[in-house]
């Protein structure tokens, strides 16, 4: 279980994750600062590199990428 906390401008989380064999690993980075200054947090052993690339330069909500059919 991932724990992410935010208070007064600071985001923090644990650094542990488990694999399919229930082995617990530590030292996984789960909080990232984007070049826009935004902070993104992830849980578990998810790989959020594509999401970070997609949102890296977004500074306002109206600049969020849209999914078009």
PDB file of N, CA and C in Angstrom:
ATOM      1  N   UNK A   1       0.843  -1.167   0.000  1.00  0.00           N
ATOM      2  CA  UNK A   1       0.000   0.000   0.000  1.00  0.00           C
ATOM      3  C   UNK A   1       0.896   1.241   0.000  1.00  0.00           C
ATOM      4  N   UNK A   2       0.590   2.155  -0.882  1.00  0.00           N
ATOM      5  CA  UNK A   2       1.343   3.404  -0.967  1.00  0.00           C
ATOM      6  C   UNK A   2       0.693   4.463  -0.092  1.00  0.00           C
ATOM      7  N   UNK A   3       1.524   5.220   0.580  1.00  0.00           N
ATOM      8  CA  UNK A   3       1.051   6.353   1.370  1.00  0.00           C
ATOM      9  C   UNK A   3       1.625   7.621   0.762  1.00  0.00           C
ATOM     10  N   UNK A   4       0.725   8.537   0.371  1.00  0.00           N
ATOM     11  CA  UNK A   4       1.131   9.837  -0.148  1.00  0.00           C
ATOM     12  C   UNK A   4       0.466  10.894   0.718  1.00  0.00           C
ATOM     13  N   UNK A   5       1.248  11.862   1.176  1.00  0.00           N
ATOM     14  CA  UNK A   5       0.725  12.922   2.040  1.00  0.00           C
ATOM     15  C   UNK A   5       1.078  14.282   1.446  1.00  0.00           C
ATOM     16  N   UNK A   6       0.180  15.251   1.614  1.00  0.00           N
ATOM     17  CA  UNK A   6       0.414  16.612   1.144  1.00  0.00           C
ATOM     18  C   UNK A   6      -0.039  17.575   2.231  1.00  0.00           C
ATOM     19  N   UNK A   7       0.805  18.522   2.568  1.00  0.00           N
ATOM     20  CA  UNK A   7       0.455  19.548   3.553  1.00  0.00           C
ATOM     21  C   UNK A   7       1.311  20.782   3.325  1.00  0.00           C
ATOM     22  N   UNK A   8       0.671  21.936   3.319  1.00  0.00           N
ATOM     23  CA  UNK A   8       1.354  23.228   3.246  1.00  0.00           C
ATOM     24  C   UNK A   8       2.428  23.276   2.143  1.00  0.00           C
ATOM     25  N   UNK A   9       2.093  22.784   0.948  1.00  0.00           N
ATOM     26  CA  UNK A   9       3.007  22.874  -0.176  1.00  0.00           C
ATOM     27  C   UNK A   9       4.053  21.785  -0.271  1.00  0.00           C
ATOM     28  N   UNK A  10       3.973  20.765   0.576  1.00  0.00           N
ATOM     29  CA  UNK A  10       4.948  19.675   0.558  1.00  0.00           C
ATOM     30  C   UNK A  10       4.241  18.351   0.306  1.00  0.00           C
ATOM     31  N   UNK A  11       4.761  17.574  -0.664  1.00  0.00           N
ATOM     32  CA  UNK A  11       4.239  16.238  -0.930  1.00  0.00           C
ATOM     33  C   UNK A  11       5.302  15.227  -0.521  1.00  0.00           C
ATOM     34  N   UNK A  12       4.900  14.164   0.134  1.00  0.00           N
ATOM     35  CA  UNK A  12       5.825  13.114   0.567  1.00  0.00           C
ATOM     36  C   UNK A  12       5.148  11.760   0.401  1.00  0.00           C
ATOM     37  N   UNK A  13       5.960  10.716   0.285  1.00  0.00           N
ATOM     38  CA  UNK A  13       5.407   9.363   0.188  1.00  0.00           C
ATOM     39  C   UNK A  13       6.437   8.339   0.643  1.00  0.00           C
ATOM     40  N   UNK A  14       5.964   7.107   0.751  1.00  0.00           N
ATOM     41  CA  UNK A  14       6.886   6.013   1.070  1.00  0.00           C
ATOM     42  C   UNK A  14       7.672   5.656  -0.191  1.00  0.00           C
ATOM     43  N   UNK A  15       8.620   4.747  -0.088  1.00  0.00           N
ATOM     44  CA  UNK A  15       9.440   4.372  -1.245  1.00  0.00           C
ATOM     45  C   UNK A  15       9.430   2.866  -1.485  1.00  0.00           C
ATOM     46  N   UNK A  16       8.430   2.157  -0.949  1.00  0.00           N
ATOM     47  CA  UNK A  16       8.407   0.696  -1.067  1.00  0.00           C
ATOM     48  C   UNK A  16       7.427   0.241  -2.151  1.00  0.00           C
ATOM     49  N   UNK A  17       7.707  -0.926  -2.720  1.00  0.00           N
ATOM     50  CA  UNK A  17       6.790  -1.569  -3.651  1.00  0.00           C
ATOM     51  C   UNK A  17       7.006  -3.070  -3.591  1.00  0.00           C
ATOM     52  N   UNK A  18       5.986  -3.820  -3.947  1.00  0.00           N
ATOM     53  CA  UNK A  18       6.078  -5.270  -3.940  1.00  0.00           C
ATOM     54  C   UNK A  18       5.960  -5.819  -5.347  1.00  0.00           C
ATOM     55  N   UNK A  19       6.654  -6.919  -5.624  1.00  0.00           N
ATOM     56  CA  UNK A  19       6.552  -7.531  -6.945  1.00  0.00           C
ATOM     57  C   UNK A  19       5.559  -8.688  -6.910  1.00  0.00           C
ATOM     58  N   UNK A  20       5.434  -9.408  -8.019  1.00  0.00           N
ATOM     59  CA  UNK A  20       4.448 -10.495  -8.106  1.00  0.00           C
ATOM     60  C   UNK A  20       4.768 -11.665  -7.186  1.00  0.00           C
ATOM     61  N   UNK A  21       5.975 -11.722  -6.657  1.00  0.00           N
ATOM     62  CA  UNK A  21       6.362 -12.775  -5.714  1.00  0.00           C
ATOM     63  C   UNK A  21       6.253 -12.304  -4.271  1.00  0.00           C
ATOM     64  N   UNK A  22       5.578 -11.163  -4.064  1.00  0.00           N
ATOM     65  CA  UNK A  22       5.395 -10.568  -2.744  1.00  0.00           C
ATOM     66  C   UNK A  22       6.700 -10.151  -2.080  1.00  0.00           C
ATOM     67  N   UNK A  23       7.740  -9.973  -2.869  1.00  0.00           N
ATOM     68  CA  UNK A  23       9.007  -9.467  -2.333  1.00  0.00           C
ATOM     69  C   UNK A  23       8.909  -7.945  -2.256  1.00  0.00           C
ATOM     70  N   UNK A  24       9.283  -7.393  -1.127  1.00  0.00           N
ATOM     71  CA  UNK A  24       9.196  -5.952  -0.930  1.00  0.00           C
ATOM     72  C   UNK A  24      10.532  -5.295  -1.268  1.00  0.00           C
ATOM     73  N   UNK A  25      10.480  -4.303  -2.126  1.00  0.00           N
ATOM     74  CA  UNK A  25      11.658  -3.539  -2.505  1.00  0.00           C
ATOM     75  C   UNK A  25      11.516  -2.132  -1.931  1.00  0.00           C
ATOM     76  N   UNK A  26      12.608  -1.439  -1.774  1.00  0.00           N
ATOM     77  CA  UNK A  26      12.549  -0.068  -1.273  1.00  0.00           C
ATOM     78  C   UNK A  26      13.340   0.862  -2.185  1.00  0.00           C
ATOM     79  N   UNK A  27      13.253   2.122  -1.909  1.00  0.00           N
ATOM     80  CA  UNK A  27      13.974   3.180  -2.619  1.00  0.00           C
ATOM     81  C   UNK A  27      13.414   3.476  -4.009  1.00  0.00           C
ATOM     82  N   UNK A  28      12.112   3.285  -4.226  1.00  0.00           N
ATOM     83  CA  UNK A  28      11.466   3.671  -5.474  1.00  0.00           C
ATOM     84  C   UNK A  28      11.012   5.122  -5.356  1.00  0.00           C
ATOM     85  N   UNK A  29      11.363   5.953  -6.330  1.00  0.00           N
ATOM     86  CA  UNK A  29      10.930   7.346  -6.334  1.00  0.00           C
ATOM     87  C   UNK A  29       9.496   7.413  -6.842  1.00  0.00           C
ATOM     88  N   UNK A  30       8.599   8.032  -6.067  1.00  0.00           N
ATOM     89  CA  UNK A  30       7.187   8.110  -6.432  1.00  0.00           C
ATOM     90  C   UNK A  30       6.678   9.538  -6.560  1.00  0.00           C
ATOM     91  N   UNK A  31       7.491  10.532  -6.242  1.00  0.00           N
ATOM     92  CA  UNK A  31       7.100  11.933  -6.367  1.00  0.00           C
ATOM     93  C   UNK A  31       8.108  12.619  -7.290  1.00  0.00           C
ATOM     94  N   UNK A  32       7.586  13.319  -8.288  1.00  0.00           N
ATOM     95  CA  UNK A  32       8.440  13.964  -9.281  1.00  0.00           C
ATOM     96  C   UNK A  32       8.010  15.413  -9.474  1.00  0.00           C
ATOM     97  N   UNK A  33       8.983  16.306  -9.679  1.00  0.00           N
ATOM     98  CA  UNK A  33       8.694  17.691 -10.040  1.00  0.00           C
ATOM     99  C   UNK A  33       8.914  17.820 -11.538  1.00  0.00           C
ATOM    100  N   UNK A  34       7.887  18.320 -12.233  1.00  0.00           N
ATOM    101  CA  UNK A  34       7.965  18.518 -13.673  1.00  0.00           C
ATOM    102  C   UNK A  34       8.662  19.834 -13.981  1.00  0.00           C
ATOM    103  N   UNK A  35       9.102  20.017 -15.230  1.00  0.00           N
ATOM    104  CA  UNK A  35       9.799  21.252 -15.585  1.00  0.00           C
ATOM    105  C   UNK A  35       8.889  22.470 -15.473  1.00  0.00           C
ATOM    106  N   UNK A  36       7.571  22.253 -15.502  1.00  0.00           N
ATOM    107  CA  UNK A  36       6.615  23.345 -15.339  1.00  0.00           C
ATOM    108  C   UNK A  36       6.508  23.801 -13.886  1.00  0.00           C
ATOM    109  N   UNK A  37       7.080  23.025 -12.971  1.00  0.00           N
ATOM    110  CA  UNK A  37       6.999  23.324 -11.547  1.00  0.00           C
ATOM    111  C   UNK A  37       5.954  22.491 -10.830  1.00  0.00           C
ATOM    112  N   UNK A  38       5.093  21.800 -11.599  1.00  0.00           N
ATOM    113  CA  UNK A  38       4.063  20.941 -11.000  1.00  0.00           C
ATOM    114  C   UNK A  38       4.702  19.726 -10.344  1.00  0.00           C
ATOM    115  N   UNK A  39       3.998  19.136  -9.403  1.00  0.00           N
ATOM    116  CA  UNK A  39       4.452  17.922  -8.723  1.00  0.00           C
ATOM    117  C   UNK A  39       3.462  16.815  -9.038  1.00  0.00           C
ATOM    118  N   UNK A  40       3.985  15.634  -9.381  1.00  0.00           N
ATOM    119  CA  UNK A  40       3.140  14.485  -9.667  1.00  0.00           C
ATOM    120  C   UNK A  40       3.583  13.330  -8.781  1.00  0.00           C
ATOM    121  N   UNK A  41       2.608  12.604  -8.230  1.00  0.00           N
ATOM    122  CA  UNK A  41       2.905  11.446  -7.394  1.00  0.00           C
ATOM    123  C   UNK A  41       2.305  10.200  -8.010  1.00  0.00           C
ATOM    124  N   UNK A  42       2.949   9.066  -7.823  1.00  0.00           N
ATOM    125  CA  UNK A  42       2.440   7.802  -8.339  1.00  0.00           C
ATOM    126  C   UNK A  42       2.414   6.780  -7.222  1.00  0.00           C
ATOM    127  N   UNK A  43       1.672   5.712  -7.428  1.00  0.00           N
ATOM    128  CA  UNK A  43       1.586   4.691  -6.389  1.00  0.00           C
ATOM    129  C   UNK A  43       2.070   3.345  -6.919  1.00  0.00           C
ATOM    130  N   UNK A  44       2.443   2.487  -5.995  1.00  0.00           N
ATOM    131  CA  UNK A  44       2.890   1.157  -6.358  1.00  0.00           C
ATOM    132  C   UNK A  44       4.136   1.184  -7.212  1.00  0.00           C
ATOM    133  N   UNK A  45       4.235   0.203  -8.125  1.00  0.00           N
ATOM    134  CA  UNK A  45       5.392   0.150  -9.017  1.00  0.00           C
ATOM    135  C   UNK A  45       5.010   0.618 -10.420  1.00  0.00           C
ATOM    136  N   UNK A  46       3.998   1.490 -10.505  1.00  0.00           N
ATOM    137  CA  UNK A  46       3.565   2.019 -11.800  1.00  0.00           C
ATOM    138  C   UNK A  46       4.670   2.837 -12.442  1.00  0.00           C
ATOM    139  N   UNK A  47       4.730   2.774 -13.745  1.00  0.00           N
ATOM    140  CA  UNK A  47       5.707   3.544 -14.516  1.00  0.00           C
ATOM    141  C   UNK A  47       4.981   4.728 -15.138  1.00  0.00           C
ATOM    142  N   UNK A  48       5.180   5.923 -14.604  1.00  0.00           N
ATOM    143  CA  UNK A  48       4.443   7.097 -15.062  1.00  0.00           C
ATOM    144  C   UNK A  48       5.249   7.971 -16.015  1.00  0.00           C
ATOM    145  N   UNK A  49       6.313   7.436 -16.612  1.00  0.00           N
ATOM    146  CA  UNK A  49       7.150   8.257 -17.487  1.00  0.00           C
ATOM    147  C   UNK A  49       6.368   8.886 -18.632  1.00  0.00           C
ATOM    148  N   UNK A  50       5.438   8.158 -19.250  1.00  0.00           N
ATOM    149  CA  UNK A  50       4.664   8.720 -20.357  1.00  0.00           C
ATOM    150  C   UNK A  50       3.737   9.837 -19.880  1.00  0.00           C
ATOM    151  N   UNK A  51       3.149   9.679 -18.721  1.00  0.00           N
ATOM    152  CA  UNK A  51       2.287  10.729 -18.168  1.00  0.00           C
ATOM    153  C   UNK A  51       3.120  11.953 -17.834  1.00  0.00           C
ATOM    154  N   UNK A  52       4.294  11.755 -17.260  1.00  0.00           N
ATOM    155  CA  UNK A  52       5.176  12.886 -16.949  1.00  0.00           C
ATOM    156  C   UNK A  52       5.596  13.628 -18.206  1.00  0.00           C
ATOM    157  N   UNK A  53       5.907  12.909 -19.284  1.00  0.00           N
ATOM    158  CA  UNK A  53       6.252  13.558 -20.555  1.00  0.00           C
ATOM    159  C   UNK A  53       5.067  14.341 -21.115  1.00  0.00           C
ATOM    160  N   UNK A  54       3.876  13.768 -21.026  1.00  0.00           N
ATOM    161  CA  UNK A  54       2.669  14.416 -21.534  1.00  0.00           C
ATOM    162  C   UNK A  54       2.362  15.714 -20.803  1.00  0.00           C
ATOM    163  N   UNK A  55       2.582  15.740 -19.490  1.00  0.00           N
ATOM    164  CA  UNK A  55       2.219  16.895 -18.667  1.00  0.00           C
ATOM    165  C   UNK A  55       3.394  17.812 -18.349  1.00  0.00           C
ATOM    166  N   UNK A  56       4.583  17.501 -18.806  1.00  0.00           N
ATOM    167  CA  UNK A  56       5.802  18.191 -18.389  1.00  0.00           C
ATOM    168  C   UNK A  56       5.765  19.709 -18.559  1.00  0.00           C
ATOM    169  N   UNK A  57       5.236  20.210 -19.650  1.00  0.00           N
ATOM    170  CA  UNK A  57       5.263  21.653 -19.926  1.00  0.00           C
ATOM    171  C   UNK A  57       3.949  22.358 -19.590  1.00  0.00           C
ATOM    172  N   UNK A  58       2.942  21.617 -19.113  1.00  0.00           N
ATOM    173  CA  UNK A  58       1.627  22.195 -18.832  1.00  0.00           C
ATOM    174  C   UNK A  58       1.694  23.045 -17.568  1.00  0.00           C
ATOM    175  N   UNK A  59       1.312  24.333 -17.698  1.00  0.00           N
ATOM    176  CA  UNK A  59       1.345  25.231 -16.543  1.00  0.00           C
ATOM    177  C   UNK A  59      -0.040  25.674 -16.097  1.00  0.00           C
ATOM    178  N   UNK A  60      -1.047  25.536 -16.962  1.00  0.00           N
ATOM    179  CA  UNK A  60      -2.420  25.900 -16.595  1.00  0.00           C
ATOM    180  C   UNK A  60      -3.371  24.820 -17.084  1.00  0.00           C
ATOM    181  N   UNK A  61      -4.526  24.725 -16.422  1.00  0.00           N
ATOM    182  CA  UNK A  61      -5.482  23.670 -16.742  1.00  0.00           C
ATOM    183  C   UNK A  61      -5.962  23.761 -18.194  1.00  0.00           C
ATOM    184  N   UNK A  62      -6.102  24.963 -18.715  1.00  0.00           N
ATOM    185  CA  UNK A  62      -6.586  25.109 -20.106  1.00  0.00           C
ATOM    186  C   UNK A  62      -5.564  24.616 -21.136  1.00  0.00           C
ATOM    187  N   UNK A  63      -4.352  24.330 -20.728  1.00  0.00           N
ATOM    188  CA  UNK A  63      -3.313  23.800 -21.616  1.00  0.00           C
ATOM    189  C   UNK A  63      -3.183  22.276 -21.517  1.00  0.00           C
ATOM    190  N   UNK A  64      -4.077  21.643 -20.736  1.00  0.00           N
ATOM    191  CA  UNK A  64      -4.036  20.181 -20.597  1.00  0.00           C
ATOM    192  C   UNK A  64      -4.283  19.538 -21.951  1.00  0.00           C
ATOM    193  N   UNK A  65      -3.574  18.444 -22.269  1.00  0.00           N
ATOM    194  CA  UNK A  65      -3.803  17.740 -23.543  1.00  0.00           C
ATOM    195  C   UNK A  65      -5.195  17.142 -23.576  1.00  0.00           C
ATOM    196  N   UNK A  66      -5.809  17.155 -24.749  1.00  0.00           N
ATOM    197  CA  UNK A  66      -7.150  16.609 -24.934  1.00  0.00           C
ATOM    198  C   UNK A  66      -7.101  15.311 -25.726  1.00  0.00           C
ATOM    199  N   UNK A  67      -8.018  14.410 -25.414  1.00  0.00           N
ATOM    200  CA  UNK A  67      -8.162  13.186 -26.184  1.00  0.00           C
ATOM    201  C   UNK A  67      -9.229  13.442 -27.240  1.00  0.00           C
ATOM    202  N   UNK A  68      -8.859  13.392 -28.490  1.00  0.00           N
ATOM    203  CA  UNK A  68      -9.802  13.626 -29.589  1.00  0.00           C
ATOM    204  C   UNK A  68     -10.063  12.329 -30.323  1.00  0.00           C
ATOM    205  N   UNK A  69     -11.312  12.096 -30.660  1.00  0.00           N
ATOM    206  CA  UNK A  69     -11.686  10.876 -31.413  1.00  0.00           C
ATOM    207  C   UNK A  69     -11.446  11.068 -32.880  1.00  0.00           C
TER     208      UNK A  69
END
